[in-house]
Amino acid sequence: MPDDASLPYQDLCPEDILRAVEACGFRCDGRLLALNSYENRVYRVGIDAAGPLVAKFYRPGRWSDAAILEEHGFAAELAVAELPVVAPLAIDGRTLQREAGFRFALYPCHGGHAPDLDDAQLLRQLGRLVGRMHLLGEQQAYRHRPAIGLDSHGRASADYLLAAGFIPAELTLAYETLCADLFSAVEACYARCGTVAGLRLHGDFHLGNVLVRDERIHIVDLDDSCMGPAMQDLWMLLSGDREAQAQQLAEVLAGYTEFRCFDARQLHLLEALRTLRIMHYAAWLGRRWSDPAFRHAFPWFDTPRYWDEHLLALREQLAAMQEAPLPWRP
């Protein structure tokens, strides 16, 4: 079997996808639709006399089998606890499948739209779901998946972008100076927060990973599940100006605290975690830049304008980390 790291996605053709699904015991009807995913390759596959399935083919070399199975195990725990998390199907007792060297998993197909942040009741419902998810997430720790933090998402991202030459030469000094200030500010946010126990998180709980249809919610894509503070699964539900975010936060935490206590000190981490995500996202695009799908989907990356705007966003984050945290009363 070829090594995963040597298998480019270009070698994954429709025949391989359908063959892989049928090898798991399903009869495909020939319908195949590529879904919006870049890190992995994800497809909606039609099944004869049954609803469609979603087939996710994992990016070669990104996760170990053990790390993928940990994520699958967490999703299964959540599903057993009757949380609306879309967990992978077990085929002959296995959730991680292989076909022609590629690793993949099959999921039930659930459609829907992103939640409306102006819907206070829906935000409260999302808060309840995250609270319940964290109750299970804190019961044990991941052994094979990373923890979010300054080194992994901040320093490593900056080091990579500088070493790979993505930062324009005329901006290099400004970027290095800004990063030093950002790292100090992130450290100060964590210091104000104090010691906080990490737990298993969704890790990428933005609105695109929450599907709403007929007042039912489904949570999808735990691919970035990691260890970290509870705040990581909450801050991406907020948007708009400070007043709007404060109102949204109140609704989310009203639901969350029905099931799990929330340490208000973690509000000091909100802008720090947002900063780390911005830095990590830029480095993620850089690390995937050799993938033709990324050059097609993100043509503005690696342009001077992008890096000007990136530094501006980071300067805004530096200022945000120096402000008081969003208000919240338990």
C-alpha atoms as a PDB file:
ATOM      1  CA  MET A   1       0.000   0.000   0.000  1.00  0.00           C
ATOM      2  CA  PRO A   2       1.465   3.420  -0.929  1.00  0.00           C
ATOM      3  CA  ASP A   3       2.399   5.804   1.855  1.00  0.00           C
ATOM      4  CA  ASP A   4      -0.428   8.292   2.563  1.00  0.00           C
ATOM      5  CA  ALA A   5       1.866  11.307   2.229  1.00  0.00           C
ATOM      6  CA  SER A   6       2.688  10.304  -1.362  1.00  0.00           C
ATOM      7  CA  LEU A   7      -0.924  10.212  -2.522  1.00  0.00           C
ATOM      8  CA  PRO A   8      -2.038  13.505  -4.064  1.00  0.00           C
ATOM      9  CA  TYR A   9      -5.769  14.153  -4.303  1.00  0.00           C
ATOM     10  CA  GLN A  10      -5.429  14.426  -8.065  1.00  0.00           C
ATOM     11  CA  ASP A  11      -5.332  10.620  -8.120  1.00  0.00           C
ATOM     12  CA  LEU A  12      -8.761  10.427  -6.450  1.00  0.00           C
ATOM     13  CA  CYS A  13     -11.273  10.022  -9.284  1.00  0.00           C
ATOM     14  CA  PRO A  14     -15.070   9.459  -9.251  1.00  0.00           C
ATOM     15  CA  GLU A  15     -14.640   5.749  -9.924  1.00  0.00           C
ATOM     16  CA  ASP A  16     -12.448   5.433  -6.809  1.00  0.00           C
ATOM     17  CA  ILE A  17     -15.016   7.234  -4.682  1.00  0.00           C
ATOM     18  CA  LEU A  18     -17.932   5.093  -5.821  1.00  0.00           C
ATOM     19  CA  ARG A  19     -15.863   1.912  -5.531  1.00  0.00           C
ATOM     20  CA  ALA A  20     -14.887   2.825  -1.982  1.00  0.00           C
ATOM     21  CA  VAL A  21     -18.498   3.395  -0.932  1.00  0.00           C
ATOM     22  CA  GLU A  22     -19.675   0.170  -2.561  1.00  0.00           C
ATOM     23  CA  ALA A  23     -16.874  -1.762  -0.845  1.00  0.00           C
ATOM     24  CA  CYS A  24     -18.579  -0.771   2.425  1.00  0.00           C
ATOM     25  CA  GLY A  25     -21.746  -2.577   1.349  1.00  0.00           C
ATOM     26  CA  PHE A  26     -23.743   0.247  -0.249  1.00  0.00           C
ATOM     27  CA  ARG A  27     -25.022   0.246  -3.816  1.00  0.00           C
ATOM     28  CA  CYS A  28     -24.372   3.631  -5.423  1.00  0.00           C
ATOM     29  CA  ASP A  29     -26.808   5.081  -7.949  1.00  0.00           C
ATOM     30  CA  GLY A  30     -24.089   7.005  -9.795  1.00  0.00           C
ATOM     31  CA  ARG A  31     -24.884  10.466  -8.401  1.00  0.00           C
ATOM     32  CA  LEU A  32     -21.831  12.212  -6.974  1.00  0.00           C
ATOM     33  CA  LEU A  33     -21.539  15.816  -5.801  1.00  0.00           C
ATOM     34  CA  ALA A  34     -18.383  17.450  -4.439  1.00  0.00           C
ATOM     35  CA  LEU A  35     -19.178  19.417  -1.285  1.00  0.00           C
ATOM     36  CA  ASN A  36     -17.531  22.591  -0.042  1.00  0.00           C
ATOM     37  CA  SER A  37     -14.367  21.325   1.646  1.00  0.00           C
ATOM     38  CA  TYR A  38     -10.696  22.065   1.099  1.00  0.00           C
ATOM     39  CA  GLU A  39      -8.744  20.355   3.863  1.00  0.00           C
ATOM     40  CA  ASN A  40     -10.315  17.012   3.003  1.00  0.00           C
ATOM     41  CA  ARG A  41     -12.306  15.906  -0.027  1.00  0.00           C
ATOM     42  CA  VAL A  42     -15.975  15.430   0.781  1.00  0.00           C
ATOM     43  CA  TYR A  43     -18.691  14.092  -1.517  1.00  0.00           C
ATOM     44  CA  ARG A  44     -22.438  13.535  -1.422  1.00  0.00           C
ATOM     45  CA  VAL A  45     -23.002  10.048  -2.829  1.00  0.00           C
ATOM     46  CA  GLY A  46     -26.382   8.805  -4.026  1.00  0.00           C
ATOM     47  CA  ILE A  47     -27.432   5.372  -2.750  1.00  0.00           C
ATOM     48  CA  ASP A  48     -29.979   3.070  -4.408  1.00  0.00           C
ATOM     49  CA  ALA A  49     -33.314   2.900  -2.549  1.00  0.00           C
ATOM     50  CA  ALA A  50     -31.930   4.892   0.380  1.00  0.00           C
ATOM     51  CA  GLY A  51     -30.893   8.363   1.388  1.00  0.00           C
ATOM     52  CA  PRO A  52     -27.512   9.705   0.225  1.00  0.00           C
ATOM     53  CA  LEU A  53     -24.325   9.377   2.231  1.00  0.00           C
ATOM     54  CA  VAL A  54     -21.422  11.750   2.730  1.00  0.00           C
ATOM     55  CA  ALA A  55     -17.959  10.321   2.035  1.00  0.00           C
ATOM     56  CA  LYS A  56     -15.016  12.177   3.568  1.00  0.00           C
ATOM     57  CA  PHE A  57     -11.562  11.322   2.190  1.00  0.00           C
ATOM     58  CA  TYR A  58      -8.891  12.481   4.602  1.00  0.00           C
ATOM     59  CA  ARG A  59      -6.004  14.625   3.452  1.00  0.00           C
ATOM     60  CA  PRO A  60      -2.978  12.314   3.250  1.00  0.00           C
ATOM     61  CA  GLY A  61      -0.444  12.821   6.006  1.00  0.00           C
ATOM     62  CA  ARG A  62      -2.452  15.272   8.105  1.00  0.00           C
ATOM     63  CA  TRP A  63      -3.746  13.048  10.910  1.00  0.00           C
ATOM     64  CA  SER A  64      -2.569   9.704  12.221  1.00  0.00           C
ATOM     65  CA  ASP A  65      -5.072   6.876  12.318  1.00  0.00           C
ATOM     66  CA  ALA A  66      -5.109   7.178  16.113  1.00  0.00           C
ATOM     67  CA  ALA A  67      -5.988  10.886  15.928  1.00  0.00           C
ATOM     68  CA  ILE A  68      -8.826  10.252  13.477  1.00  0.00           C
ATOM     69  CA  LEU A  69     -10.204   7.435  15.605  1.00  0.00           C
ATOM     70  CA  GLU A  70     -10.119   9.653  18.690  1.00  0.00           C
ATOM     71  CA  GLU A  71     -12.257  12.209  16.884  1.00  0.00           C
ATOM     72  CA  HIS A  72     -14.615   9.457  15.706  1.00  0.00           C
ATOM     73  CA  GLY A  73     -14.860   8.153  19.250  1.00  0.00           C
ATOM     74  CA  PHE A  74     -15.774  11.583  20.624  1.00  0.00           C
ATOM     75  CA  ALA A  75     -18.426  12.052  17.927  1.00  0.00           C
ATOM     76  CA  ALA A  76     -19.871   8.644  18.788  1.00  0.00           C
ATOM     77  CA  GLU A  77     -19.963   9.537  22.506  1.00  0.00           C
ATOM     78  CA  LEU A  78     -21.875  12.697  21.700  1.00  0.00           C
ATOM     79  CA  ALA A  79     -24.327  10.868  19.442  1.00  0.00           C
ATOM     80  CA  VAL A  80     -24.988   8.198  22.089  1.00  0.00           C
ATOM     81  CA  ALA A  81     -25.732  11.024  24.539  1.00  0.00           C
ATOM     82  CA  GLU A  82     -28.354  12.198  22.015  1.00  0.00           C
ATOM     83  CA  LEU A  83     -26.554  15.332  20.931  1.00  0.00           C
ATOM     84  CA  PRO A  84     -27.291  16.121  17.260  1.00  0.00           C
ATOM     85  CA  VAL A  85     -23.724  15.446  16.138  1.00  0.00           C
ATOM     86  CA  VAL A  86     -23.307  13.708  12.804  1.00  0.00           C
ATOM     87  CA  ALA A  87     -21.020  10.794  13.664  1.00  0.00           C
ATOM     88  CA  PRO A  88     -19.324   8.435  11.166  1.00  0.00           C
ATOM     89  CA  LEU A  89     -20.974   5.131  10.340  1.00  0.00           C
ATOM     90  CA  ALA A  90     -19.414   1.962  11.694  1.00  0.00           C
ATOM     91  CA  ILE A  91     -18.956  -0.617   8.924  1.00  0.00           C
ATOM     92  CA  ASP A  92     -18.175  -4.051  10.359  1.00  0.00           C
ATOM     93  CA  GLY A  93     -17.273  -2.280  13.580  1.00  0.00           C
ATOM     94  CA  ARG A  94     -14.859   0.186  11.889  1.00  0.00           C
ATOM     95  CA  THR A  95     -15.420   3.903  11.268  1.00  0.00           C
ATOM     96  CA  LEU A  96     -12.128   4.499   9.427  1.00  0.00           C
ATOM     97  CA  GLN A  97     -12.061   2.837   6.020  1.00  0.00           C
ATOM     98  CA  ARG A  98      -9.371   2.419   3.344  1.00  0.00           C
ATOM     99  CA  GLU A  99      -9.537   2.165  -0.398  1.00  0.00           C
ATOM    100  CA  ALA A 100      -6.580   2.323  -2.797  1.00  0.00           C
ATOM    101  CA  GLY A 101      -4.443   3.801  -0.027  1.00  0.00           C
ATOM    102  CA  PHE A 102      -6.846   6.611   0.845  1.00  0.00           C
ATOM    103  CA  ARG A 103      -8.484   6.797   4.248  1.00  0.00           C
ATOM    104  CA  PHE A 104     -12.138   7.759   4.382  1.00  0.00           C
ATOM    105  CA  ALA A 105     -15.279   7.700   6.515  1.00  0.00           C
ATOM    106  CA  LEU A 106     -18.976   7.612   5.659  1.00  0.00           C
ATOM    107  CA  TYR A 107     -21.620   9.805   7.301  1.00  0.00           C
ATOM    108  CA  PRO A 108     -25.394  10.192   7.118  1.00  0.00           C
ATOM    109  CA  CYS A 109     -26.310  13.148   4.917  1.00  0.00           C
ATOM    110  CA  HIS A 110     -28.068  16.071   6.604  1.00  0.00           C
ATOM    111  CA  GLY A 111     -28.793  19.328   4.806  1.00  0.00           C
ATOM    112  CA  GLY A 112     -29.653  22.703   6.225  1.00  0.00           C
ATOM    113  CA  HIS A 113     -28.637  26.335   6.489  1.00  0.00           C
ATOM    114  CA  ALA A 114     -26.439  28.259   8.910  1.00  0.00           C
ATOM    115  CA  PRO A 115     -28.163  29.566  12.054  1.00  0.00           C
ATOM    116  CA  ASP A 116     -29.385  33.146  12.288  1.00  0.00           C
ATOM    117  CA  LEU A 117     -27.389  35.120  14.860  1.00  0.00           C
ATOM    118  CA  ASP A 118     -30.376  37.435  15.318  1.00  0.00           C
ATOM    119  CA  ASP A 119     -32.447  34.521  16.651  1.00  0.00           C
ATOM    120  CA  ALA A 120     -31.944  34.702  20.426  1.00  0.00           C
ATOM    121  CA  GLN A 121     -33.685  31.388  21.074  1.00  0.00           C
ATOM    122  CA  LEU A 122     -31.498  29.616  18.551  1.00  0.00           C
ATOM    123  CA  LEU A 123     -28.355  31.075  20.133  1.00  0.00           C
ATOM    124  CA  ARG A 124     -29.535  29.855  23.520  1.00  0.00           C
ATOM    125  CA  GLN A 125     -30.169  26.416  22.040  1.00  0.00           C
ATOM    126  CA  LEU A 126     -26.651  26.355  20.584  1.00  0.00           C
ATOM    127  CA  GLY A 127     -25.308  27.301  24.003  1.00  0.00           C
ATOM    128  CA  ARG A 128     -27.124  24.337  25.541  1.00  0.00           C
ATOM    129  CA  LEU A 129     -25.631  22.003  22.950  1.00  0.00           C
ATOM    130  CA  VAL A 130     -22.102  23.274  23.542  1.00  0.00           C
ATOM    131  CA  GLY A 131     -22.576  22.969  27.310  1.00  0.00           C
ATOM    132  CA  ARG A 132     -23.678  19.350  26.942  1.00  0.00           C
ATOM    133  CA  MET A 133     -20.810  18.662  24.527  1.00  0.00           C
ATOM    134  CA  HIS A 134     -18.307  20.038  27.025  1.00  0.00           C
ATOM    135  CA  LEU A 135     -19.720  17.926  29.847  1.00  0.00           C
ATOM    136  CA  LEU A 136     -18.641  14.888  27.849  1.00  0.00           C
ATOM    137  CA  GLY A 137     -15.510  16.563  26.538  1.00  0.00           C
ATOM    138  CA  GLU A 138     -14.089  17.064  30.014  1.00  0.00           C
ATOM    139  CA  GLN A 139     -14.500  13.427  31.048  1.00  0.00           C
ATOM    140  CA  GLN A 140     -11.255  12.390  29.390  1.00  0.00           C
ATOM    141  CA  ALA A 141      -8.422  13.932  27.387  1.00  0.00           C
ATOM    142  CA  TYR A 142      -7.222  13.362  23.866  1.00  0.00           C
ATOM    143  CA  ARG A 143      -3.922  11.519  23.624  1.00  0.00           C
ATOM    144  CA  HIS A 144      -3.258  11.876  19.898  1.00  0.00           C
ATOM    145  CA  ARG A 145      -4.767  15.254  18.989  1.00  0.00           C
ATOM    146  CA  PRO A 146      -3.230  18.696  19.625  1.00  0.00           C
ATOM    147  CA  ALA A 147      -4.107  21.443  22.076  1.00  0.00           C
ATOM    148  CA  ILE A 148      -4.809  24.957  20.860  1.00  0.00           C
ATOM    149  CA  GLY A 149      -2.376  27.535  22.200  1.00  0.00           C
ATOM    150  CA  LEU A 150       0.113  30.285  21.511  1.00  0.00           C
ATOM    151  CA  ASP A 151       2.914  27.976  20.390  1.00  0.00           C
ATOM    152  CA  SER A 152       0.828  25.801  18.058  1.00  0.00           C
ATOM    153  CA  HIS A 153      -1.341  28.484  16.466  1.00  0.00           C
ATOM    154  CA  GLY A 154       0.689  31.653  16.965  1.00  0.00           C
ATOM    155  CA  ARG A 155       4.447  31.172  16.994  1.00  0.00           C
ATOM    156  CA  ALA A 156       4.435  28.129  14.700  1.00  0.00           C
ATOM    157  CA  SER A 157       2.244  29.976  12.178  1.00  0.00           C
ATOM    158  CA  ALA A 158       4.448  33.072  12.125  1.00  0.00           C
ATOM    159  CA  ASP A 159       7.638  31.015  11.893  1.00  0.00           C
ATOM    160  CA  TYR A 160       6.250  29.057   8.960  1.00  0.00           C
ATOM    161  CA  LEU A 161       5.078  32.096   6.988  1.00  0.00           C
ATOM    162  CA  LEU A 162       8.411  33.849   7.459  1.00  0.00           C
ATOM    163  CA  ALA A 163      10.511  30.784   6.604  1.00  0.00           C
ATOM    164  CA  ALA A 164       8.410  29.961   3.532  1.00  0.00           C
ATOM    165  CA  GLY A 165       8.761  33.495   2.198  1.00  0.00           C
ATOM    166  CA  PHE A 166       5.070  34.351   2.034  1.00  0.00           C
ATOM    167  CA  ILE A 167       5.468  37.660   3.870  1.00  0.00           C
ATOM    168  CA  PRO A 168       6.501  40.357   1.336  1.00  0.00           C
ATOM    169  CA  ALA A 169      10.013  41.633   1.987  1.00  0.00           C
ATOM    170  CA  GLU A 170       8.820  45.196   2.575  1.00  0.00           C
ATOM    171  CA  LEU A 171       6.462  43.951   5.324  1.00  0.00           C
ATOM    172  CA  THR A 172       8.766  41.440   7.018  1.00  0.00           C
ATOM    173  CA  LEU A 173      10.110  43.755   9.714  1.00  0.00           C
ATOM    174  CA  ALA A 174       6.641  45.148  10.470  1.00  0.00           C
ATOM    175  CA  TYR A 175       5.239  41.606  10.679  1.00  0.00           C
ATOM    176  CA  GLU A 176       8.003  40.401  13.013  1.00  0.00           C
ATOM    177  CA  THR A 177       7.589  43.427  15.285  1.00  0.00           C
ATOM    178  CA  LEU A 178       3.813  43.061  15.310  1.00  0.00           C
ATOM    179  CA  CYS A 179       4.044  39.336  16.101  1.00  0.00           C
ATOM    180  CA  ALA A 180       6.253  40.042  19.105  1.00  0.00           C
ATOM    181  CA  ASP A 181       3.627  42.467  20.421  1.00  0.00           C
ATOM    182  CA  LEU A 182       0.812  40.028  19.678  1.00  0.00           C
ATOM    183  CA  PHE A 183       2.503  37.169  21.486  1.00  0.00           C
ATOM    184  CA  SER A 184       3.005  39.353  24.552  1.00  0.00           C
ATOM    185  CA  ALA A 185      -0.650  40.402  24.422  1.00  0.00           C
ATOM    186  CA  VAL A 186      -1.853  36.799  24.081  1.00  0.00           C
ATOM    187  CA  GLU A 187       0.304  35.795  27.045  1.00  0.00           C
ATOM    188  CA  ALA A 188      -1.185  38.670  29.045  1.00  0.00           C
ATOM    189  CA  CYS A 189      -4.724  37.490  28.181  1.00  0.00           C
ATOM    190  CA  TYR A 190      -3.911  33.984  29.379  1.00  0.00           C
ATOM    191  CA  ALA A 191      -2.327  35.394  32.531  1.00  0.00           C
ATOM    192  CA  ARG A 192      -5.488  37.399  33.310  1.00  0.00           C
ATOM    193  CA  CYS A 193      -7.544  34.267  32.741  1.00  0.00           C
ATOM    194  CA  GLY A 194      -5.420  32.133  35.036  1.00  0.00           C
ATOM    195  CA  THR A 195      -5.161  28.356  34.949  1.00  0.00           C
ATOM    196  CA  VAL A 196      -7.994  26.770  33.007  1.00  0.00           C
ATOM    197  CA  ALA A 197      -8.392  23.049  32.455  1.00  0.00           C
ATOM    198  CA  GLY A 198      -8.473  22.007  28.823  1.00  0.00           C
ATOM    199  CA  LEU A 199     -11.136  19.681  27.464  1.00  0.00           C
ATOM    200  CA  ARG A 200     -12.044  17.951  24.237  1.00  0.00           C
ATOM    201  CA  LEU A 201     -13.603  20.550  21.936  1.00  0.00           C
ATOM    202  CA  HIS A 202     -15.337  20.682  18.600  1.00  0.00           C
ATOM    203  CA  GLY A 203     -12.496  23.082  17.825  1.00  0.00           C
ATOM    204  CA  ASP A 204     -14.025  24.726  14.733  1.00  0.00           C
ATOM    205  CA  PHE A 205     -17.507  25.615  15.935  1.00  0.00           C
ATOM    206  CA  HIS A 206     -18.392  28.300  13.428  1.00  0.00           C
ATOM    207  CA  LEU A 207     -21.813  28.749  11.863  1.00  0.00           C
ATOM    208  CA  GLY A 208     -20.874  26.783   8.749  1.00  0.00           C
ATOM    209  CA  ASN A 209     -20.576  23.661  10.886  1.00  0.00           C
ATOM    210  CA  VAL A 210     -24.082  24.062  12.299  1.00  0.00           C
ATOM    211  CA  LEU A 211     -26.938  23.044   9.997  1.00  0.00           C
ATOM    212  CA  VAL A 212     -30.522  24.099  10.716  1.00  0.00           C
ATOM    213  CA  ARG A 213     -33.545  22.640   8.940  1.00  0.00           C
ATOM    214  CA  ASP A 214     -37.168  22.643  10.116  1.00  0.00           C
ATOM    215  CA  GLU A 215     -36.061  23.857  13.554  1.00  0.00           C
ATOM    216  CA  ARG A 216     -33.694  20.899  13.906  1.00  0.00           C
ATOM    217  CA  ILE A 217     -29.965  21.368  14.375  1.00  0.00           C
ATOM    218  CA  HIS A 218     -27.132  19.120  13.256  1.00  0.00           C
ATOM    219  CA  ILE A 219     -23.501  19.671  14.241  1.00  0.00           C
ATOM    220  CA  VAL A 220     -20.986  18.529  11.646  1.00  0.00           C
ATOM    221  CA  ASP A 221     -17.242  18.302  10.967  1.00  0.00           C
ATOM    222  CA  LEU A 222     -15.215  17.571  14.086  1.00  0.00           C
ATOM    223  CA  ASP A 223     -12.095  17.276  11.926  1.00  0.00           C
ATOM    224  CA  ASP A 224     -10.351  20.054  13.897  1.00  0.00           C
ATOM    225  CA  SER A 225     -11.394  18.682  17.296  1.00  0.00           C
ATOM    226  CA  CYS A 226      -8.666  19.397  19.821  1.00  0.00           C
ATOM    227  CA  MET A 227      -7.926  20.109  23.463  1.00  0.00           C
ATOM    228  CA  GLY A 228      -8.403  23.643  24.733  1.00  0.00           C
ATOM    229  CA  PRO A 229     -10.465  26.076  26.807  1.00  0.00           C
ATOM    230  CA  ALA A 230     -14.251  26.074  26.640  1.00  0.00           C
ATOM    231  CA  MET A 231     -14.176  29.590  25.164  1.00  0.00           C
ATOM    232  CA  GLN A 232     -12.857  28.194  21.885  1.00  0.00           C
ATOM    233  CA  ASP A 233     -16.243  26.621  21.091  1.00  0.00           C
ATOM    234  CA  LEU A 234     -18.154  29.765  22.020  1.00  0.00           C
ATOM    235  CA  TRP A 235     -16.479  32.829  20.535  1.00  0.00           C
ATOM    236  CA  MET A 236     -17.066  31.885  16.890  1.00  0.00           C
ATOM    237  CA  LEU A 237     -20.819  32.151  17.494  1.00  0.00           C
ATOM    238  CA  LEU A 238     -20.380  35.903  17.990  1.00  0.00           C
ATOM    239  CA  SER A 239     -20.144  38.592  15.322  1.00  0.00           C
ATOM    240  CA  GLY A 240     -20.745  42.275  14.752  1.00  0.00           C
ATOM    241  CA  ASP A 241     -19.759  45.177  16.970  1.00  0.00           C
ATOM    242  CA  ARG A 242     -19.055  44.945  20.685  1.00  0.00           C
ATOM    243  CA  GLU A 243     -22.663  45.587  21.695  1.00  0.00           C
ATOM    244  CA  ALA A 244     -24.003  42.929  19.333  1.00  0.00           C
ATOM    245  CA  GLN A 245     -21.445  40.392  20.532  1.00  0.00           C
ATOM    246  CA  ALA A 246     -22.304  41.099  24.163  1.00  0.00           C
ATOM    247  CA  GLN A 247     -25.987  40.426  23.461  1.00  0.00           C
ATOM    248  CA  GLN A 248     -25.193  37.232  21.565  1.00  0.00           C
ATOM    249  CA  LEU A 249     -22.823  36.084  24.306  1.00  0.00           C
ATOM    250  CA  ALA A 250     -25.528  36.573  26.936  1.00  0.00           C
ATOM    251  CA  GLU A 251     -27.894  34.284  25.038  1.00  0.00           C
ATOM    252  CA  VAL A 252     -25.266  31.636  24.313  1.00  0.00           C
ATOM    253  CA  LEU A 253     -24.094  31.505  27.931  1.00  0.00           C
ATOM    254  CA  ALA A 254     -27.665  31.509  29.234  1.00  0.00           C
ATOM    255  CA  GLY A 255     -28.093  28.198  27.426  1.00  0.00           C
ATOM    256  CA  TYR A 256     -24.607  26.911  28.195  1.00  0.00           C
ATOM    257  CA  THR A 257     -24.919  27.404  31.946  1.00  0.00           C
ATOM    258  CA  GLU A 258     -28.128  25.380  32.076  1.00  0.00           C
ATOM    259  CA  PHE A 259     -25.855  22.348  31.750  1.00  0.00           C
ATOM    260  CA  ARG A 260     -22.314  23.377  32.674  1.00  0.00           C
ATOM    261  CA  CYS A 261     -20.693  26.126  34.714  1.00  0.00           C
ATOM    262  CA  PHE A 262     -18.750  28.716  32.748  1.00  0.00           C
ATOM    263  CA  ASP A 263     -15.686  30.334  34.260  1.00  0.00           C
ATOM    264  CA  ALA A 264     -16.063  34.056  33.487  1.00  0.00           C
ATOM    265  CA  ARG A 265     -12.277  34.439  33.547  1.00  0.00           C
ATOM    266  CA  GLN A 266     -12.247  32.745  30.137  1.00  0.00           C
ATOM    267  CA  LEU A 267     -13.751  35.900  28.628  1.00  0.00           C
ATOM    268  CA  HIS A 268     -10.192  37.245  28.745  1.00  0.00           C
ATOM    269  CA  LEU A 269      -9.311  34.605  26.135  1.00  0.00           C
ATOM    270  CA  LEU A 270     -11.885  35.592  23.513  1.00  0.00           C
ATOM    271  CA  GLU A 271      -9.791  38.041  21.506  1.00  0.00           C
ATOM    272  CA  ALA A 272      -6.614  36.035  22.109  1.00  0.00           C
ATOM    273  CA  LEU A 273      -8.241  32.963  20.562  1.00  0.00           C
ATOM    274  CA  ARG A 274      -9.551  35.054  17.667  1.00  0.00           C
ATOM    275  CA  THR A 275      -6.004  36.340  17.082  1.00  0.00           C
ATOM    276  CA  LEU A 276      -4.567  32.824  17.083  1.00  0.00           C
ATOM    277  CA  ARG A 277      -7.183  31.707  14.579  1.00  0.00           C
ATOM    278  CA  ILE A 278      -6.360  34.570  12.206  1.00  0.00           C
ATOM    279  CA  MET A 279      -2.668  33.678  12.337  1.00  0.00           C
ATOM    280  CA  HIS A 280      -3.307  29.955  12.015  1.00  0.00           C
ATOM    281  CA  TYR A 281      -5.634  30.490   9.043  1.00  0.00           C
ATOM    282  CA  ALA A 282      -2.983  32.406   7.098  1.00  0.00           C
ATOM    283  CA  ALA A 283      -0.419  29.690   7.770  1.00  0.00           C
ATOM    284  CA  TRP A 284      -2.945  27.000   6.816  1.00  0.00           C
ATOM    285  CA  LEU A 285      -3.412  28.623   3.412  1.00  0.00           C
ATOM    286  CA  GLY A 286       0.349  28.796   3.013  1.00  0.00           C
ATOM    287  CA  ARG A 287       0.861  25.142   3.914  1.00  0.00           C
ATOM    288  CA  ARG A 288      -1.776  24.107   1.375  1.00  0.00           C
ATOM    289  CA  TRP A 289      -0.700  26.484  -1.389  1.00  0.00           C
ATOM    290  CA  SER A 290       0.747  23.655  -3.492  1.00  0.00           C
ATOM    291  CA  ASP A 291      -2.740  22.100  -3.678  1.00  0.00           C
ATOM    292  CA  PRO A 292      -4.359  23.353  -6.924  1.00  0.00           C
ATOM    293  CA  ALA A 293      -7.741  23.495  -5.200  1.00  0.00           C
ATOM    294  CA  PHE A 294      -6.415  26.171  -2.843  1.00  0.00           C
ATOM    295  CA  ARG A 295      -4.954  28.305  -5.620  1.00  0.00           C
ATOM    296  CA  HIS A 296      -8.318  28.155  -7.369  1.00  0.00           C
ATOM    297  CA  ALA A 297     -10.420  28.887  -4.272  1.00  0.00           C
ATOM    298  CA  PHE A 298      -8.184  31.531  -2.684  1.00  0.00           C
ATOM    299  CA  PRO A 299      -6.580  33.419  -5.594  1.00  0.00           C
ATOM    300  CA  TRP A 300      -6.130  36.532  -3.436  1.00  0.00           C
ATOM    301  CA  PHE A 301      -3.712  34.748  -1.105  1.00  0.00           C
ATOM    302  CA  ASP A 302      -0.037  35.515  -1.689  1.00  0.00           C
ATOM    303  CA  THR A 303      -0.845  38.985  -3.054  1.00  0.00           C
ATOM    304  CA  PRO A 304       0.466  42.235  -1.500  1.00  0.00           C
ATOM    305  CA  ARG A 305      -3.075  43.395  -0.779  1.00  0.00           C
ATOM    306  CA  TYR A 306      -3.822  40.261   1.239  1.00  0.00           C
ATOM    307  CA  TRP A 307      -0.798  40.760   3.455  1.00  0.00           C
ATOM    308  CA  ASP A 308      -1.569  44.452   3.941  1.00  0.00           C
ATOM    309  CA  GLU A 309      -5.047  43.497   5.107  1.00  0.00           C
ATOM    310  CA  HIS A 310      -3.686  40.641   7.224  1.00  0.00           C
ATOM    311  CA  LEU A 311      -1.391  42.977   9.138  1.00  0.00           C
ATOM    312  CA  LEU A 312      -4.243  45.454   9.563  1.00  0.00           C
ATOM    313  CA  ALA A 313      -6.462  42.716  11.024  1.00  0.00           C
ATOM    314  CA  LEU A 314      -3.693  41.708  13.420  1.00  0.00           C
ATOM    315  CA  ARG A 315      -3.169  45.314  14.525  1.00  0.00           C
ATOM    316  CA  GLU A 316      -6.895  45.526  15.254  1.00  0.00           C
ATOM    317  CA  GLN A 317      -6.590  42.349  17.298  1.00  0.00           C
ATOM    318  CA  LEU A 318      -3.699  43.821  19.256  1.00  0.00           C
ATOM    319  CA  ALA A 319      -5.938  46.724  20.233  1.00  0.00           C
ATOM    320  CA  ALA A 320      -8.873  44.404  21.009  1.00  0.00           C
ATOM    321  CA  MET A 321      -6.766  42.306  23.390  1.00  0.00           C
ATOM    322  CA  GLN A 322      -5.983  45.426  25.385  1.00  0.00           C
ATOM    323  CA  GLU A 323      -9.663  46.253  25.944  1.00  0.00           C
ATOM    324  CA  ALA A 324     -11.804  44.974  28.809  1.00  0.00           C
ATOM    325  CA  PRO A 325     -13.490  41.633  28.044  1.00  0.00           C
ATOM    326  CA  LEU A 326     -17.111  41.466  26.986  1.00  0.00           C
ATOM    327  CA  PRO A 327     -19.459  41.938  29.962  1.00  0.00           C
ATOM    328  CA  TRP A 328     -21.410  38.962  31.275  1.00  0.00           C
ATOM    329  CA  ARG A 329     -23.368  38.382  34.452  1.00  0.00           C
ATOM    330  CA  PRO A 330     -23.979  34.760  35.496  1.00  0.00           C
END
